[in-house]
Every structure is written in C-alpha cells, then in structure tokens.
C-alpha cells in the first residue's frame, strides 16, 4: 500500500518564494496575508510600508518614531496590529479626512464601513503596542444619516477608552467637521422665556409700519446686551487695594442666570465608559467631545483619569455652556492647564475652576480673551504653586495683583505676556504689569509674545530673572 505524499502548507515554503507571492496580490489581500502570522508579518511589512509610501527607519528595531494614517493608508494598521514587527510608535497621527501623498483627489470620501474598520484597527493597535507615546486623532468623517453618526460615535468611544487606559500615551483630539453634525449639538439648550413688560404705556403704540423690523422690548434688549457684551481689554485696571472674593460654586443647573432657562440635551446614543483610566495628558481641540453625545463620557473621563495635563481649545461652547460645565469638573491631580483663545469661558467660572485646583503649577491663557470683568483683582490667593504663567496683560494682573500679591506665588519663575493690541491703554496696562511683577518677592523671568513685541520692552533685570 503506497503512502500518501506529505502535505505542504504555505509556511513550509522558503522565504524567497514567500516574498514572490505578494507580487500578484492586490492591496487588501497583501495586508490580510501579512496579518495571518508573525513570520509573514515580519517578511511582508517592509514591502507594505513601501507600497503605502511610508518610511521605515534603517536599521529597524521595532520602533517607529512617527506614523501618519490617512484614509488611504489606514489598512496598514491591520497588519501592524496583528504581529510584533512594530512594538512601539512615538507619534501616531490618525485622520480619515486627510489624503496621503499618493492621492490628488481631495473629494474621495471614506464609507462608514471602512471608517468603522479603521477604528477597529486603531483600537487593536492601541491595545497591543508595548509603547504609544502620542496619539493624535481627528474624529471626524462624513456621515449620511443619524444612524451612521451613532455607529461612528460608538466606534470612537471604544478607541478612546482603549487609549485612555494607557498611562504612557498623550492624547490629542483635533479637527473640525467638514459638515456639521445636526444630530449631535452642544450639550445644553438655553432659551429666553417671554418676559412681560409690567410698565403701562400711556402713549399710543406705534404702528407696525413705523416700528423697525429689529425692534426688541427694552428689558429683553438689555438682557441680550449683557449676555453678549464683553469688556475691552484696554479698560484701565485700578490699583489692587480693592479686592473681590472668589465666586461661590453653585449646582450647575441652579446657577443664577437672569431670564435664561437651560436643559441638557439628550445623547444620540449611550457610549461605553471605562473604569480604569490611566491617561495623564489630554488635549481636546475638537468640539465632538463636548457635544451632547460625548458630554457625559468626557465628564466621566476628566473626573476619573489621573490627569496632570489638560488643554482645551476650539470647543464650540457658549459662555452659558461653560457656566454649566466647569462646576462639574474636578481634577485633583491637575498640574498644567491650557485654555486656548477659542474658549469663551466667563471670568467667574474660570476663576472658580482654578480655585478648586491648587496643584496647578503651569497656567497657559495665551491670547485668551476675558469674558467678563477682570477687576478688582482676586482677594483670596489661588494657585499657590504657580511656577509658569502665560496670558494677556489683564489676566496676568488679575491673577497676580491681589491683596497678597507680593507673597502669593513664591514658586513663580516664568511669565509670558501675550497680546496683539497696541493702544495707549494697552501700553499703560503693560507698564502697570511690569510694576506688579517687580514688586513680587520672587521676581520671575518675563517674555513677550504676539504683536506687542514690536512696541513693548521688558526691563533687562526681568529678562534675566530666574
């Protein structure tokens, strides 16, 4: 009886032959083949990187300094996540709205199924990598319906949960939608109810023809004016002899907002939460995390993660949204806070938030415009550990020129003044700021940023201080 010939599998072939096989495979088959086992992963990934016009360091030891993933190259994440050819990535930039170098067509859009698949690949990579130093993620794609948006936000939440479980990963969320997501609006709905005018009018009412089309009752016009008006940064700041106490933090839904009624908008879908967040650094520069669907997820993550660094900008929140959001946030380990110029946070709400976070040693309010009055200065010392302060002259004066200004910040080493204003009041305010800084017991080093560098000059002894 003759014995059957021994069976031969693909992996029995020598490497030379295995490297010939991919020459006849399409892009999808090539990536899938590389994801089948470690041996094929090691053999095929260098060629896959070349296929997608991505560079590998030479010699390669499993560490990628940086990787940019676009809607053209997202499939490579499947092969990277399946094997151990890549063990560590320094900077991973993931944006499905950006095209790579190979494409000249900016109108090519990624379907929802491919986008969800890309999110699954990214999630597996976030779980498997031994080190992921920085994840930059643009969460926006084009969607055609509310159901598609719901599915997409669910996929994003899974990725965010995996990323926030990593203690080694800085997370930056950036970008803005090419088209707004009407099904995922801001987290609160604010309305001004009808306000009856109790004053009896003796004069005959004006005819409709004589009344301008933009007529608003006086009390309502006054209310709306106070809502949207902002003080000029050029207003003169009085000496710090008069001080104001810190605002009392109220229950978010019970804050006194004359004539304004607010309600929280419902989420489009319920997102999964993670209970073991380990992220230390989070930069949120995209509206999606503070819109209705992600709002509770974001509050939970910020309040439970051991964050030491937080940056906020481009968040598309109104001042009343901020007034209801900040009181819900307490980050006990926060040491570095950046509030960008595109965050319309009222002064009392930001002040109360800072007062609840005494461990902050770096505060960056560069070019951040104050919403509300910055005078008189704060009576109670806040941020006792402050070592580095960046902001506009009025905000820096507001924080430093209190009753205990000279001794309030013994650790302050660095002040960077940011302004694009050039006016007589602005120059007077800058001179007042320099006097305030010189009177501090611990004199910091002072730098300038913005257009003010063309007209302002820091005294020599403050340039070399600390």
Protein backbone atom coordinates (compact mmCIF):
# COMPACT_ATOMS: atom_id res chain seq x y z
CA UNK A 1 0.00 0.00 0.00
CA UNK A 2 1.58 3.24 -1.13
CA UNK A 3 1.75 6.06 1.38
CA UNK A 4 0.29 9.46 0.50
CA UNK A 5 2.80 12.25 -0.15
CA UNK A 6 3.36 14.60 2.78
CA UNK A 7 1.17 17.69 2.74
CA UNK A 8 2.80 21.06 2.30
CA UNK A 9 1.44 24.32 3.70
CA UNK A 10 2.28 27.87 2.75
CA UNK A 11 4.61 28.34 5.68
CA UNK A 12 6.71 25.37 4.62
CA UNK A 13 7.94 27.41 1.67
CA UNK A 14 11.27 29.21 1.95
CA UNK A 15 11.31 32.95 2.48
CA UNK A 16 12.49 33.61 -1.07
CA UNK A 17 9.30 32.08 -2.51
CA UNK A 18 7.05 33.68 0.10
CA UNK A 19 8.36 37.08 -0.94
CA UNK A 20 7.43 36.40 -4.57
CA UNK A 21 3.78 35.59 -3.81
CA UNK A 22 2.72 39.14 -2.82
CA UNK A 23 3.72 40.48 -6.24
CA UNK A 24 0.41 39.24 -7.68
CA UNK A 25 -1.80 40.25 -4.75
CA UNK A 26 -3.98 43.34 -4.51
CA UNK A 27 -3.70 45.77 -1.63
CA UNK A 28 -6.35 44.14 0.59
CA UNK A 29 -5.04 40.61 0.09
CA UNK A 30 -1.50 41.72 0.80
CA UNK A 31 -2.44 43.33 4.12
CA UNK A 32 -4.58 40.36 5.13
CA UNK A 33 -1.79 37.91 4.32
CA UNK A 34 0.64 39.91 6.46
CA UNK A 35 -1.81 39.71 9.35
CA UNK A 36 -2.06 35.90 9.36
CA UNK A 37 1.06 35.04 11.37
CA UNK A 38 4.25 36.51 12.83
CA UNK A 39 6.52 35.09 10.16
CA UNK A 40 4.57 36.59 7.27
CA UNK A 41 4.20 39.78 9.26
CA UNK A 42 7.97 40.17 9.53
CA UNK A 43 8.52 39.22 5.90
CA UNK A 44 5.83 41.35 4.26
CA UNK A 45 5.51 44.51 6.34
CA UNK A 46 8.61 46.24 4.93
CA UNK A 47 7.14 45.84 1.43
CA UNK A 48 3.73 47.03 2.64
CA UNK A 49 5.26 50.18 4.11
CA UNK A 50 6.93 50.85 0.76
CA UNK A 51 3.64 50.18 -1.04
CA UNK A 52 1.93 52.90 1.01
CA UNK A 53 4.86 55.32 0.63
CA UNK A 54 5.67 55.06 4.33
CA UNK A 55 9.24 55.06 5.54
CA UNK A 56 10.84 52.60 7.94
CA UNK A 57 13.95 53.54 9.93
CA UNK A 58 17.11 51.74 8.87
CA UNK A 59 18.08 49.60 10.64
CA UNK A 60 14.62 48.87 12.03
CA UNK A 61 14.36 47.58 15.61
CA UNK A 62 10.59 47.57 16.10
CA UNK A 63 10.29 51.29 16.98
CA UNK A 64 8.53 53.75 14.68
CA UNK A 65 9.30 57.38 15.57
CA UNK A 66 6.14 58.55 13.79
CA UNK A 67 3.31 57.18 11.66
CA UNK A 68 0.68 59.20 9.80
CA UNK A 69 -2.51 57.31 8.95
CA UNK A 70 -4.87 58.70 6.30
CA UNK A 71 -7.94 57.37 4.54
CA UNK A 72 -5.55 55.81 2.00
CA UNK A 73 -3.21 54.06 4.42
CA UNK A 74 -5.46 53.00 7.33
CA UNK A 75 -5.38 49.35 6.18
CA UNK A 76 -1.75 49.06 7.20
CA UNK A 77 -2.88 49.23 10.83
CA UNK A 78 -4.43 45.78 10.42
CA UNK A 79 -1.04 44.24 9.64
CA UNK A 80 0.79 46.27 12.30
CA UNK A 81 -1.72 45.33 14.98
CA UNK A 82 -1.69 41.60 14.14
CA UNK A 83 2.04 40.98 14.56
CA UNK A 84 5.00 42.12 16.58
CA UNK A 85 7.05 43.64 13.76
CA UNK A 86 6.22 47.09 15.21
CA UNK A 87 6.41 47.20 19.00
CA UNK A 88 6.43 50.93 19.68
CA UNK A 89 5.22 54.12 17.99
CA UNK A 90 6.34 57.56 19.08
CA UNK A 91 3.73 59.75 17.36
CA UNK A 92 0.66 58.22 15.70
CA UNK A 93 -1.43 60.73 13.73
CA UNK A 94 -4.79 59.30 12.62
CA UNK A 95 -7.09 61.32 10.34
CA UNK A 96 -9.53 59.76 7.90
CA UNK A 97 -10.35 63.12 6.30
CA UNK A 98 -6.79 63.66 5.12
CA UNK A 99 -5.33 62.21 1.92
CA UNK A 100 -1.83 60.88 1.56
CA UNK A 101 0.89 61.78 -0.88
CA UNK A 102 -0.31 59.28 -3.47
CA UNK A 103 -3.74 60.87 -3.99
CA UNK A 104 -4.58 64.01 -5.90
CA UNK A 105 -8.35 63.66 -5.38
CA UNK A 106 -9.49 65.60 -2.32
CA UNK A 107 -13.13 64.61 -2.83
CA UNK A 108 -12.68 60.90 -2.24
CA UNK A 109 -14.66 60.04 0.88
CA UNK A 110 -14.45 57.02 3.12
CA UNK A 111 -17.62 54.98 3.61
CA UNK A 112 -18.88 54.26 7.11
CA UNK A 113 -17.97 50.57 6.93
CA UNK A 114 -14.36 51.39 6.07
CA UNK A 115 -14.24 54.09 8.77
CA UNK A 116 -15.53 51.67 11.42
CA UNK A 117 -12.99 49.11 10.22
CA UNK A 118 -10.22 51.71 10.51
CA UNK A 119 -11.34 52.46 14.09
CA UNK A 120 -11.18 48.73 14.92
CA UNK A 121 -7.64 48.54 13.54
CA UNK A 122 -6.62 51.57 15.59
CA UNK A 123 -8.22 50.11 18.69
CA UNK A 124 -6.33 46.82 18.34
CA UNK A 125 -3.11 48.77 17.92
CA UNK A 126 -3.80 50.89 21.00
CA UNK A 127 -4.25 47.69 22.98
CA UNK A 128 -1.27 45.71 21.61
CA UNK A 129 1.60 48.18 21.35
CA UNK A 130 4.12 48.00 24.16
CA UNK A 131 4.51 51.78 23.92
CA UNK A 132 2.44 54.51 22.29
CA UNK A 133 3.84 57.91 23.27
CA UNK A 134 1.39 60.23 21.50
CA UNK A 135 -1.91 59.57 19.74
CA UNK A 136 -3.25 62.44 17.59
CA UNK A 137 -6.78 61.68 16.46
CA UNK A 138 -9.12 63.56 14.16
CA UNK A 139 -12.55 62.10 14.97
CA UNK A 140 -14.48 63.47 12.01
CA UNK A 141 -15.75 61.73 8.90
CA UNK A 142 -18.62 62.47 6.53
CA UNK A 143 -21.83 60.69 7.50
CA UNK A 144 -25.11 60.40 5.62
CA UNK A 145 -27.62 59.79 8.40
CA UNK A 146 -28.23 59.87 12.13
CA UNK A 147 -27.78 56.10 12.30
CA UNK A 148 -24.36 56.36 10.67
CA UNK A 149 -23.34 59.08 13.10
CA UNK A 150 -24.50 56.94 16.04
CA UNK A 151 -22.46 53.96 14.83
CA UNK A 152 -19.41 56.14 14.25
CA UNK A 153 -19.52 57.75 17.69
CA UNK A 154 -19.80 54.29 19.25
CA UNK A 155 -16.67 53.19 17.38
CA UNK A 156 -14.82 56.31 18.51
CA UNK A 157 -15.75 55.71 22.14
CA UNK A 158 -14.19 52.24 22.02
CA UNK A 159 -10.95 53.71 20.65
CA UNK A 160 -10.90 56.49 23.24
CA UNK A 161 -11.49 54.02 26.06
CA UNK A 162 -8.54 51.88 24.97
CA UNK A 163 -6.29 54.93 24.58
CA UNK A 164 -7.20 56.41 27.97
CA UNK A 165 -6.34 53.11 29.68
CA UNK A 166 -2.71 53.65 28.68
CA UNK A 167 -0.56 55.53 31.17
CA UNK A 168 2.17 56.20 28.59
CA UNK A 169 0.03 57.89 25.94
CA UNK A 170 -0.55 61.59 25.41
CA UNK A 171 -3.89 62.00 23.63
CA UNK A 172 -4.67 64.92 21.32
CA UNK A 173 -8.11 65.19 19.75
CA UNK A 174 -8.21 67.78 16.97
CA UNK A 175 -10.11 68.78 13.86
CA UNK A 176 -13.49 70.16 12.88
CA UNK A 177 -16.27 68.60 10.80
CA UNK A 178 -16.39 69.29 7.08
CA UNK A 179 -20.15 69.29 7.59
CA UNK A 180 -21.84 69.97 10.97
CA UNK A 181 -23.47 67.09 12.83
CA UNK A 182 -27.02 68.44 13.48
CA UNK A 183 -27.90 65.25 15.39
CA UNK A 184 -25.08 65.90 17.86
CA UNK A 185 -25.44 69.54 19.01
CA UNK A 186 -24.00 71.39 22.00
CA UNK A 187 -24.76 69.76 25.37
CA UNK A 188 -27.26 72.35 26.64
CA UNK A 189 -30.29 74.10 25.26
CA UNK A 190 -30.68 77.68 26.50
CA UNK A 191 -33.76 79.77 25.96
CA UNK A 192 -35.02 83.19 26.99
CA UNK A 193 -38.68 82.90 28.02
CA UNK A 194 -41.20 85.55 27.12
CA UNK A 195 -40.81 88.46 29.54
CA UNK A 196 -43.96 90.54 30.05
CA UNK A 197 -43.48 94.27 30.36
CA UNK A 198 -45.27 95.38 33.57
CA UNK A 199 -44.98 99.08 32.76
CA UNK A 200 -48.24 100.50 31.47
CA UNK A 201 -47.83 102.58 28.37
CA UNK A 202 -49.77 105.83 28.26
CA UNK A 203 -48.72 106.80 24.79
CA UNK A 204 -50.40 105.26 21.81
CA UNK A 205 -48.44 102.30 20.43
CA UNK A 206 -46.51 102.88 17.28
CA UNK A 207 -47.97 101.43 14.15
CA UNK A 208 -46.42 98.28 12.73
CA UNK A 209 -45.28 100.18 9.70
CA UNK A 210 -43.40 102.68 11.87
CA UNK A 211 -41.78 100.01 14.03
CA UNK A 212 -38.34 98.83 12.84
CA UNK A 213 -38.06 95.15 11.89
CA UNK A 214 -35.39 94.60 14.53
CA UNK A 215 -37.49 96.07 17.40
CA UNK A 216 -36.86 94.35 20.74
CA UNK A 217 -38.58 95.20 24.05
CA UNK A 218 -36.31 97.25 26.28
CA UNK A 219 -35.89 94.67 29.04
CA UNK A 220 -35.11 91.89 26.56
CA UNK A 221 -32.69 94.12 24.64
CA UNK A 222 -30.88 94.94 27.90
CA UNK A 223 -30.67 91.25 28.80
CA UNK A 224 -29.28 90.23 25.43
CA UNK A 225 -26.80 93.10 25.54
CA UNK A 226 -25.46 91.90 28.89
CA UNK A 227 -25.30 88.34 27.58
CA UNK A 228 -23.10 89.02 24.56
CA UNK A 229 -21.14 92.12 25.57
CA UNK A 230 -17.50 91.70 26.55
CA UNK A 231 -15.29 94.25 28.28
CA UNK A 232 -12.49 95.91 26.41
CA UNK A 233 -9.01 94.69 27.22
CA UNK A 234 -7.95 98.34 27.13
CA UNK A 235 -10.01 99.23 30.23
CA UNK A 236 -7.85 100.71 32.94
CA UNK A 237 -7.25 98.34 35.87
CA UNK A 238 -7.41 100.10 39.25
CA UNK A 239 -4.78 99.54 41.93
CA UNK A 240 -5.11 96.32 43.93
CA UNK A 241 -6.44 97.96 47.06
CA UNK A 242 -9.96 96.74 46.41
CA UNK A 243 -10.44 93.02 46.02
CA UNK A 244 -13.26 90.68 45.23
CA UNK A 245 -13.97 87.35 46.83
CA UNK A 246 -13.98 84.20 44.73
CA UNK A 247 -17.38 83.34 43.27
CA UNK A 248 -19.31 80.68 45.10
CA UNK A 249 -19.75 77.49 43.05
CA UNK A 250 -23.41 76.55 42.73
CA UNK A 251 -25.10 73.45 41.49
CA UNK A 252 -24.68 73.65 37.69
CA UNK A 253 -28.38 73.66 36.95
CA UNK A 254 -29.12 76.18 39.73
CA UNK A 255 -26.71 78.92 38.68
CA UNK A 256 -28.25 82.37 38.67
CA UNK A 257 -28.62 83.35 35.07
CA UNK A 258 -31.26 86.07 34.78
CA UNK A 259 -34.03 85.12 32.44
CA UNK A 260 -32.18 82.11 30.99
CA UNK A 261 -33.61 78.60 31.19
CA UNK A 262 -31.27 75.69 30.39
CA UNK A 263 -31.76 72.00 29.89
CA UNK A 264 -29.35 69.22 28.99
CA UNK A 265 -29.81 67.81 25.53
CA UNK A 266 -30.19 64.03 25.19
CA UNK A 267 -27.32 62.00 23.77
CA UNK A 268 -27.72 60.42 20.35
CA UNK A 269 -26.57 57.08 21.77
CA UNK A 270 -25.22 55.74 25.06
CA UNK A 271 -21.45 55.38 24.95
CA UNK A 272 -19.43 52.81 26.91
CA UNK A 273 -17.38 54.14 29.82
CA UNK A 274 -14.11 52.79 31.16
CA UNK A 275 -13.47 52.46 34.89
CA UNK A 276 -9.69 52.16 34.77
CA UNK A 277 -8.48 55.30 33.02
CA UNK A 278 -4.74 55.87 33.33
CA UNK A 279 -4.19 58.79 30.95
CA UNK A 280 -2.05 61.62 32.33
CA UNK A 281 -2.15 64.10 29.43
CA UNK A 282 -5.18 65.06 27.34
CA UNK A 283 -5.50 67.81 24.74
CA UNK A 284 -9.06 68.41 23.49
CA UNK A 285 -9.14 70.70 20.47
CA UNK A 286 -12.27 69.41 18.74
CA UNK A 287 -15.94 70.09 19.55
CA UNK A 288 -17.12 66.47 19.42
CA UNK A 289 -16.03 65.54 22.95
CA UNK A 290 -18.07 68.38 24.44
CA UNK A 291 -21.18 67.93 22.34
CA UNK A 292 -24.29 66.12 23.55
CA UNK A 293 -23.36 62.50 22.82
CA UNK A 294 -19.84 62.53 24.26
CA UNK A 295 -20.57 65.06 27.02
CA UNK A 296 -21.12 62.59 29.88
CA UNK A 297 -18.26 60.40 28.63
CA UNK A 298 -15.94 63.42 28.70
CA UNK A 299 -17.03 64.49 32.19
CA UNK A 300 -16.51 60.93 33.46
CA UNK A 301 -13.07 60.66 31.87
CA UNK A 302 -11.84 64.04 33.09
CA UNK A 303 -13.06 63.39 36.62
CA UNK A 304 -11.68 59.86 36.93
CA UNK A 305 -8.41 59.91 34.97
CA UNK A 306 -5.22 60.85 36.87
CA UNK A 307 -4.70 63.81 34.56
CA UNK A 308 -1.79 66.13 35.23
CA UNK A 309 -2.01 68.00 31.88
CA UNK A 310 -5.16 69.30 30.21
CA UNK A 311 -5.56 71.57 27.17
CA UNK A 312 -8.87 72.93 25.89
CA UNK A 313 -9.49 74.87 22.68
CA UNK A 314 -11.83 75.06 19.65
CA UNK A 315 -14.68 73.54 21.67
CA UNK A 316 -17.67 75.41 20.23
CA UNK A 317 -19.28 76.06 23.62
CA UNK A 318 -21.16 79.22 24.55
CA UNK A 319 -20.45 81.08 27.78
CA UNK A 320 -23.59 79.56 29.30
CA UNK A 321 -22.43 76.07 28.31
CA UNK A 322 -19.17 76.73 30.16
CA UNK A 323 -21.05 78.06 33.17
CA UNK A 324 -22.84 74.71 33.45
CA UNK A 325 -19.84 72.53 32.53
CA UNK A 326 -16.88 73.73 34.61
CA UNK A 327 -18.59 73.27 38.01
CA UNK A 328 -18.97 69.58 37.14
CA UNK A 329 -15.22 69.11 36.68
CA UNK A 330 -12.71 68.43 39.44
CA UNK A 331 -9.29 67.06 38.51
CA UNK A 332 -7.41 66.50 41.79
CA UNK A 333 -4.00 65.85 40.18
CA UNK A 334 -4.10 68.62 37.55
CA UNK A 335 -0.75 70.44 37.33
CA UNK A 336 -0.74 72.02 33.85
CA UNK A 337 -3.76 73.73 32.28
CA UNK A 338 -4.03 75.41 28.88
CA UNK A 339 -7.12 77.36 27.85
CA UNK A 340 -6.91 78.46 24.23
CA UNK A 341 -8.18 81.68 22.68
CA UNK A 342 -11.22 79.92 21.19
CA UNK A 343 -12.81 79.05 24.53
CA UNK A 344 -15.40 81.64 25.60
CA UNK A 345 -15.23 80.97 29.34
CA UNK A 346 -16.69 83.63 31.67
CA UNK A 347 -14.18 85.03 34.15
CA UNK A 348 -16.09 83.97 37.31
CA UNK A 349 -16.42 80.37 36.11
CA UNK A 350 -12.76 80.07 35.13
CA UNK A 351 -11.71 81.67 38.43
CA UNK A 352 -13.80 79.23 40.45
CA UNK A 353 -12.36 76.33 38.45
CA UNK A 354 -8.79 77.49 39.12
CA UNK A 355 -9.55 77.90 42.80
CA UNK A 356 -10.60 74.24 43.01
CA UNK A 357 -7.27 73.09 41.54
CA UNK A 358 -4.49 74.33 43.85
CA UNK A 359 -1.88 71.92 42.42
CA UNK A 360 -1.69 73.77 39.08
CA UNK A 361 1.87 74.99 38.54
CA UNK A 362 1.61 75.87 34.82
CA UNK A 363 -1.26 78.01 33.54
CA UNK A 364 -1.35 78.95 29.86
CA UNK A 365 -4.00 81.51 28.91
CA UNK A 366 -2.09 82.78 25.88
CA UNK A 367 -4.26 85.19 23.84
CA UNK A 368 -7.32 84.03 25.81
CA UNK A 369 -9.87 86.85 25.84
CA UNK A 370 -11.60 87.55 29.13
CA UNK A 371 -15.39 87.18 29.09
CA UNK A 372 -16.47 89.45 31.93
CA UNK A 373 -14.80 91.94 34.24
CA UNK A 374 -11.22 91.36 35.43
CA UNK A 375 -11.37 93.98 38.16
CA UNK A 376 -10.93 94.30 41.02
CA UNK A 377 -8.28 91.59 41.49
CA UNK A 378 -8.89 88.39 43.38
CA UNK A 379 -8.90 88.75 47.16
CA UNK A 380 -8.12 85.15 48.04
CA UNK A 381 -4.85 83.65 46.87
CA UNK A 382 -5.33 80.88 44.31
CA UNK A 383 -2.77 78.68 42.56
CA UNK A 384 -0.17 78.84 45.36
CA UNK A 385 2.17 76.50 43.45
CA UNK A 386 2.15 78.52 40.24
CA UNK A 387 5.57 78.44 38.57
CA UNK A 388 4.76 79.44 34.98
CA UNK A 389 2.03 81.85 33.89
CA UNK A 390 1.15 82.83 30.32
CA UNK A 391 -1.64 85.16 29.28
CA UNK A 392 -2.80 88.62 28.31
CA UNK A 393 -1.70 91.54 30.50
CA UNK A 394 -5.17 91.99 32.01
CA UNK A 395 -5.48 88.32 33.00
CA UNK A 396 -1.97 88.23 34.49
CA UNK A 397 -2.70 91.35 36.53
CA UNK A 398 -5.99 89.85 37.66
CA UNK A 399 -4.22 86.76 38.98
CA UNK A 400 -1.13 88.43 40.46
CA UNK A 401 -2.27 91.81 41.78
CA UNK A 402 -4.38 90.64 44.72
CA UNK A 403 -4.09 91.66 48.36
CA UNK A 404 -1.35 89.08 48.94
CA UNK A 405 0.25 89.63 45.54
CA UNK A 406 3.81 90.04 46.75
CA UNK A 407 3.90 86.75 48.66
CA UNK A 408 1.12 84.81 46.96
CA UNK A 409 3.23 82.94 44.39
CA UNK A 410 6.65 82.11 45.85
CA UNK A 411 7.35 79.48 43.18
CA UNK A 412 6.65 81.73 40.17
CA UNK A 413 9.62 81.53 37.80
CA UNK A 414 8.31 82.47 34.38
CA UNK A 415 5.74 84.91 32.97
CA UNK A 416 4.95 85.20 29.27
CA UNK A 417 2.79 88.15 28.25
CA UNK A 418 0.73 87.61 25.08
CA UNK A 419 -1.06 90.40 23.24
CA UNK A 420 -1.66 91.71 19.73
CA UNK A 421 -3.02 95.05 20.98
CA UNK A 422 -1.26 98.36 20.53
CA UNK A 423 -3.03 101.28 22.17
CA UNK A 424 -2.36 103.92 24.81
CA UNK A 425 -4.39 102.00 27.36
CA UNK A 426 -2.63 98.79 26.38
CA UNK A 427 0.77 100.39 26.92
CA UNK A 428 -0.33 101.78 30.29
CA UNK A 429 -1.60 98.36 31.29
CA UNK A 430 1.69 96.74 30.31
CA UNK A 431 3.62 99.30 32.40
CA UNK A 432 1.35 98.52 35.35
CA UNK A 433 2.01 94.81 34.86
CA UNK A 434 5.79 95.34 34.90
CA UNK A 435 5.44 97.26 38.16
CA UNK A 436 3.34 94.47 39.63
CA UNK A 437 5.90 91.82 38.61
CA UNK A 438 8.81 93.81 40.01
CA UNK A 439 7.06 94.01 43.39
CA UNK A 440 6.77 90.22 43.71
CA UNK A 441 9.02 88.74 46.34
CA UNK A 442 10.06 86.01 43.87
CA UNK A 443 10.73 88.00 40.68
CA UNK A 444 10.09 85.82 37.59
CA UNK A 445 11.63 85.97 34.14
CA UNK A 446 9.35 87.83 31.71
CA UNK A 447 8.91 87.13 27.98
CA UNK A 448 6.67 88.69 25.32
CA UNK A 449 4.64 87.06 22.55
CA UNK A 450 2.44 88.45 19.80
CA UNK A 451 2.49 91.84 18.11
CA UNK A 452 3.32 93.52 21.39
CA UNK A 453 6.97 92.55 20.83
CA UNK A 454 7.15 95.48 18.36
CA UNK A 455 6.32 98.13 20.95
CA UNK A 456 6.77 96.67 24.45
CA UNK A 457 10.11 96.19 26.16
CA UNK A 458 10.82 94.13 29.23
CA UNK A 459 13.32 95.67 31.68
CA UNK A 460 16.70 93.99 31.48
CA UNK A 461 16.63 92.71 35.04
CA UNK A 462 13.30 90.94 34.36
CA UNK A 463 14.61 89.33 31.18
CA UNK A 464 17.41 87.67 33.13
CA UNK A 465 15.45 86.91 36.31
CA UNK A 466 15.32 83.29 37.46
